Amino acid sequence: MAEATLNGNSGTQTATRYTATGVSVGEEEFTLGAPDANGMIPINGSGKCVKGTRVHKDEKCSYTFTATLNPTTSVVSFEVTGTSTT
């Protein structure tokens, strides 16, 4: 779940991820690219952990992500890479 603020083709969001091991909250910045030939919109961004519960309570992390937004279905597919320490 995320609440995003857009400014042109860039934005920020607070992303809340619910997992079996607890909740992780990240602050993220991202950029929207131009739609491809199929209408899919690429997204590139980065983030860091800011709070969480259970195993994510004291987690320190940073990550980058790439994503694709399907504007017809509003489905976003993500690939995330990064580091995490607790």
N, C-alpha and C. Protein backbone atom coordinates (compact mmCIF):
# COMPACT_ATOMS: atom_id res chain seq x y z
N MET A 1 0.85 -1.15 0.00
CA MET A 1 0.00 0.00 0.00
C MET A 1 0.91 1.23 0.00
N ALA A 2 0.55 2.23 -0.81
CA ALA A 2 1.37 3.44 -0.87
C ALA A 2 0.50 4.65 -1.15
N GLU A 3 0.90 5.76 -0.57
CA GLU A 3 0.27 7.04 -0.87
C GLU A 3 1.33 7.89 -1.54
N ALA A 4 1.09 8.24 -2.82
CA ALA A 4 2.09 8.95 -3.61
C ALA A 4 1.70 10.40 -3.85
N THR A 5 2.72 11.25 -3.95
CA THR A 5 2.55 12.65 -4.33
C THR A 5 3.31 12.85 -5.63
N LEU A 6 2.62 13.29 -6.69
CA LEU A 6 3.24 13.49 -7.99
C LEU A 6 3.54 14.95 -8.25
N ASN A 7 4.66 15.19 -8.93
CA ASN A 7 5.05 16.52 -9.38
C ASN A 7 5.60 16.35 -10.79
N GLY A 8 4.76 16.50 -11.79
CA GLY A 8 5.17 16.21 -13.16
C GLY A 8 5.38 14.72 -13.33
N ASN A 9 6.58 14.31 -13.78
CA ASN A 9 6.84 12.89 -13.97
C ASN A 9 7.66 12.28 -12.82
N SER A 10 7.76 12.98 -11.69
CA SER A 10 8.45 12.43 -10.53
C SER A 10 7.54 12.50 -9.31
N GLY A 11 7.92 11.77 -8.28
CA GLY A 11 7.09 11.78 -7.09
C GLY A 11 7.77 11.17 -5.89
N THR A 12 7.06 11.22 -4.78
CA THR A 12 7.49 10.62 -3.53
C THR A 12 6.32 9.82 -2.98
N GLN A 13 6.64 8.83 -2.16
CA GLN A 13 5.57 8.06 -1.54
C GLN A 13 6.07 7.40 -0.27
N THR A 14 5.12 7.13 0.61
CA THR A 14 5.37 6.30 1.77
C THR A 14 4.73 4.96 1.46
N ALA A 15 5.55 3.91 1.42
CA ALA A 15 5.07 2.57 1.07
C ALA A 15 5.04 1.70 2.31
N THR A 16 3.90 1.07 2.57
CA THR A 16 3.74 0.16 3.69
C THR A 16 3.60 -1.25 3.14
N ARG A 17 4.49 -2.14 3.58
CA ARG A 17 4.48 -3.52 3.10
C ARG A 17 4.16 -4.46 4.26
N TYR A 18 3.11 -5.25 4.08
CA TYR A 18 2.67 -6.21 5.09
C TYR A 18 3.22 -7.58 4.72
N THR A 19 4.01 -8.18 5.62
CA THR A 19 4.60 -9.49 5.36
C THR A 19 4.31 -10.41 6.54
N ALA A 20 4.65 -11.68 6.38
CA ALA A 20 4.46 -12.65 7.45
C ALA A 20 5.33 -12.34 8.66
N THR A 21 6.40 -11.57 8.47
CA THR A 21 7.33 -11.26 9.56
C THR A 21 7.13 -9.87 10.15
N GLY A 22 6.08 -9.17 9.73
CA GLY A 22 5.80 -7.84 10.26
C GLY A 22 5.55 -6.83 9.16
N VAL A 23 5.48 -5.58 9.57
CA VAL A 23 5.20 -4.48 8.65
C VAL A 23 6.47 -3.66 8.46
N SER A 24 6.76 -3.28 7.22
CA SER A 24 7.91 -2.43 6.90
C SER A 24 7.40 -1.19 6.19
N VAL A 25 7.90 -0.02 6.61
CA VAL A 25 7.49 1.25 5.99
C VAL A 25 8.72 1.90 5.38
N GLY A 26 8.60 2.31 4.12
CA GLY A 26 9.70 2.95 3.42
C GLY A 26 9.30 4.28 2.82
N GLU A 27 10.26 5.20 2.79
CA GLU A 27 10.09 6.49 2.11
C GLU A 27 10.77 6.36 0.76
N GLU A 28 10.05 6.69 -0.33
CA GLU A 28 10.56 6.45 -1.67
C GLU A 28 10.44 7.67 -2.57
N GLU A 29 11.37 7.75 -3.53
CA GLU A 29 11.33 8.74 -4.60
C GLU A 29 11.32 7.97 -5.91
N PHE A 30 10.58 8.45 -6.91
CA PHE A 30 10.50 7.72 -8.17
C PHE A 30 10.29 8.67 -9.35
N THR A 31 10.57 8.14 -10.54
CA THR A 31 10.37 8.87 -11.79
C THR A 31 9.57 8.00 -12.75
N LEU A 32 8.58 8.60 -13.38
CA LEU A 32 7.78 7.91 -14.40
C LEU A 32 8.39 8.16 -15.77
N GLY A 33 8.54 7.11 -16.57
CA GLY A 33 9.05 7.25 -17.92
C GLY A 33 7.91 7.40 -18.92
N ALA A 34 8.27 7.56 -20.18
CA ALA A 34 7.28 7.65 -21.25
C ALA A 34 6.70 6.26 -21.52
N PRO A 35 5.40 6.18 -21.84
CA PRO A 35 4.79 4.89 -22.15
C PRO A 35 5.50 4.20 -23.33
N ASP A 36 5.62 2.87 -23.26
CA ASP A 36 6.22 2.13 -24.37
C ASP A 36 5.16 1.87 -25.45
N ALA A 37 5.52 1.09 -26.45
CA ALA A 37 4.62 0.83 -27.58
C ALA A 37 3.33 0.14 -27.16
N ASN A 38 3.36 -0.56 -26.02
CA ASN A 38 2.16 -1.25 -25.51
C ASN A 38 1.39 -0.41 -24.50
N GLY A 39 1.85 0.82 -24.26
CA GLY A 39 1.18 1.70 -23.30
C GLY A 39 1.64 1.55 -21.87
N MET A 40 2.58 0.62 -21.62
CA MET A 40 3.07 0.41 -20.26
C MET A 40 4.00 1.55 -19.86
N ILE A 41 3.89 1.98 -18.60
CA ILE A 41 4.66 3.12 -18.10
C ILE A 41 5.77 2.61 -17.18
N PRO A 42 7.05 2.86 -17.54
CA PRO A 42 8.15 2.42 -16.66
C PRO A 42 8.32 3.38 -15.47
N ILE A 43 8.73 2.80 -14.34
CA ILE A 43 8.97 3.56 -13.12
C ILE A 43 10.33 3.15 -12.58
N ASN A 44 11.15 4.13 -12.19
CA ASN A 44 12.44 3.87 -11.55
C ASN A 44 12.51 4.67 -10.27
N GLY A 45 13.04 4.06 -9.20
CA GLY A 45 13.11 4.80 -7.96
C GLY A 45 14.03 4.19 -6.93
N SER A 46 14.03 4.81 -5.75
CA SER A 46 14.84 4.33 -4.64
C SER A 46 14.12 4.66 -3.33
N GLY A 47 14.55 3.97 -2.27
CA GLY A 47 13.91 4.20 -0.99
C GLY A 47 14.77 3.76 0.17
N LYS A 48 14.25 4.01 1.37
CA LYS A 48 14.92 3.57 2.60
C LYS A 48 13.85 3.24 3.62
N CYS A 49 14.17 2.29 4.51
CA CYS A 49 13.27 1.91 5.59
C CYS A 49 13.23 3.02 6.63
N VAL A 50 12.03 3.33 7.13
CA VAL A 50 11.92 4.37 8.14
C VAL A 50 11.29 3.88 9.44
N LYS A 51 10.53 2.79 9.37
CA LYS A 51 9.98 2.19 10.59
C LYS A 51 9.37 0.85 10.25
N GLY A 52 8.97 0.11 11.29
CA GLY A 52 8.38 -1.19 11.06
C GLY A 52 7.95 -1.83 12.36
N THR A 53 7.45 -3.06 12.23
CA THR A 53 7.04 -3.84 13.40
C THR A 53 7.74 -5.19 13.36
N ARG A 54 7.74 -5.87 14.50
CA ARG A 54 8.34 -7.19 14.65
C ARG A 54 9.77 -7.21 14.12
N VAL A 55 10.12 -8.09 13.16
CA VAL A 55 11.52 -8.17 12.72
C VAL A 55 11.96 -6.91 11.99
N HIS A 56 11.03 -6.09 11.54
CA HIS A 56 11.37 -4.87 10.81
C HIS A 56 11.50 -3.65 11.73
N LYS A 57 11.30 -3.85 13.04
CA LYS A 57 11.28 -2.74 13.99
C LYS A 57 12.56 -1.91 13.96
N ASP A 58 13.72 -2.55 14.00
CA ASP A 58 15.00 -1.84 14.02
C ASP A 58 15.74 -1.97 12.68
N GLU A 59 15.02 -2.33 11.65
CA GLU A 59 15.64 -2.58 10.34
C GLU A 59 16.18 -1.29 9.72
N LYS A 60 17.36 -1.41 9.15
CA LYS A 60 17.97 -0.33 8.37
C LYS A 60 18.08 -0.87 6.95
N CYS A 61 17.56 -0.17 5.97
CA CYS A 61 17.65 -0.67 4.61
C CYS A 61 17.67 0.48 3.61
N SER A 62 18.22 0.17 2.45
CA SER A 62 18.14 1.07 1.30
C SER A 62 17.94 0.18 0.08
N TYR A 63 17.24 0.69 -0.91
CA TYR A 63 16.91 -0.14 -2.06
C TYR A 63 16.62 0.72 -3.28
N THR A 64 16.71 0.08 -4.43
CA THR A 64 16.28 0.68 -5.68
C THR A 64 15.21 -0.22 -6.26
N PHE A 65 14.40 0.33 -7.12
CA PHE A 65 13.37 -0.49 -7.75
C PHE A 65 13.09 -0.03 -9.17
N THR A 66 12.65 -0.99 -9.96
CA THR A 66 12.10 -0.72 -11.28
C THR A 66 10.71 -1.31 -11.28
N ALA A 67 9.83 -0.69 -12.01
CA ALA A 67 8.45 -1.16 -12.03
C ALA A 67 7.82 -0.82 -13.38
N THR A 68 6.70 -1.46 -13.64
CA THR A 68 5.92 -1.17 -14.84
C THR A 68 4.47 -1.00 -14.42
N LEU A 69 3.88 0.12 -14.82
CA LEU A 69 2.47 0.42 -14.54
C LEU A 69 1.65 0.13 -15.79
N ASN A 70 0.63 -0.70 -15.63
CA ASN A 70 -0.34 -0.93 -16.70
C ASN A 70 -1.49 0.04 -16.45
N PRO A 71 -1.61 1.12 -17.24
CA PRO A 71 -2.63 2.12 -16.98
C PRO A 71 -4.06 1.62 -17.20
N THR A 72 -4.22 0.54 -17.95
CA THR A 72 -5.55 -0.02 -18.17
C THR A 72 -6.08 -0.72 -16.93
N THR A 73 -5.20 -1.46 -16.24
CA THR A 73 -5.61 -2.23 -15.07
C THR A 73 -5.19 -1.60 -13.75
N SER A 74 -4.30 -0.60 -13.80
CA SER A 74 -3.70 0.03 -12.61
C SER A 74 -2.81 -0.92 -11.82
N VAL A 75 -2.40 -2.03 -12.42
CA VAL A 75 -1.50 -2.99 -11.78
C VAL A 75 -0.06 -2.54 -12.00
N VAL A 76 0.74 -2.55 -10.92
CA VAL A 76 2.15 -2.20 -10.99
C VAL A 76 2.96 -3.45 -10.62
N SER A 77 3.90 -3.83 -11.47
CA SER A 77 4.79 -4.96 -11.20
C SER A 77 6.16 -4.41 -10.82
N PHE A 78 6.70 -4.85 -9.65
CA PHE A 78 7.95 -4.32 -9.10
C PHE A 78 9.07 -5.34 -9.11
N GLU A 79 10.31 -4.85 -9.24
CA GLU A 79 11.52 -5.61 -8.95
C GLU A 79 12.36 -4.73 -8.04
N VAL A 80 12.67 -5.24 -6.84
CA VAL A 80 13.38 -4.45 -5.83
C VAL A 80 14.72 -5.12 -5.52
N THR A 81 15.78 -4.31 -5.41
CA THR A 81 17.09 -4.80 -4.97
C THR A 81 17.63 -3.86 -3.91
N GLY A 82 18.38 -4.41 -2.95
CA GLY A 82 18.93 -3.54 -1.92
C GLY A 82 19.57 -4.32 -0.80
N THR A 83 19.82 -3.62 0.31
CA THR A 83 20.45 -4.22 1.48
C THR A 83 19.61 -3.93 2.71
N SER A 84 19.67 -4.86 3.67
CA SER A 84 18.91 -4.70 4.90
C SER A 84 19.73 -5.26 6.05
N THR A 85 19.72 -4.55 7.19
CA THR A 85 20.33 -5.05 8.41
C THR A 85 19.36 -4.81 9.56
N THR A 86 19.42 -5.67 10.55
CA THR A 86 18.55 -5.49 11.72
C THR A 86 19.37 -5.35 12.97
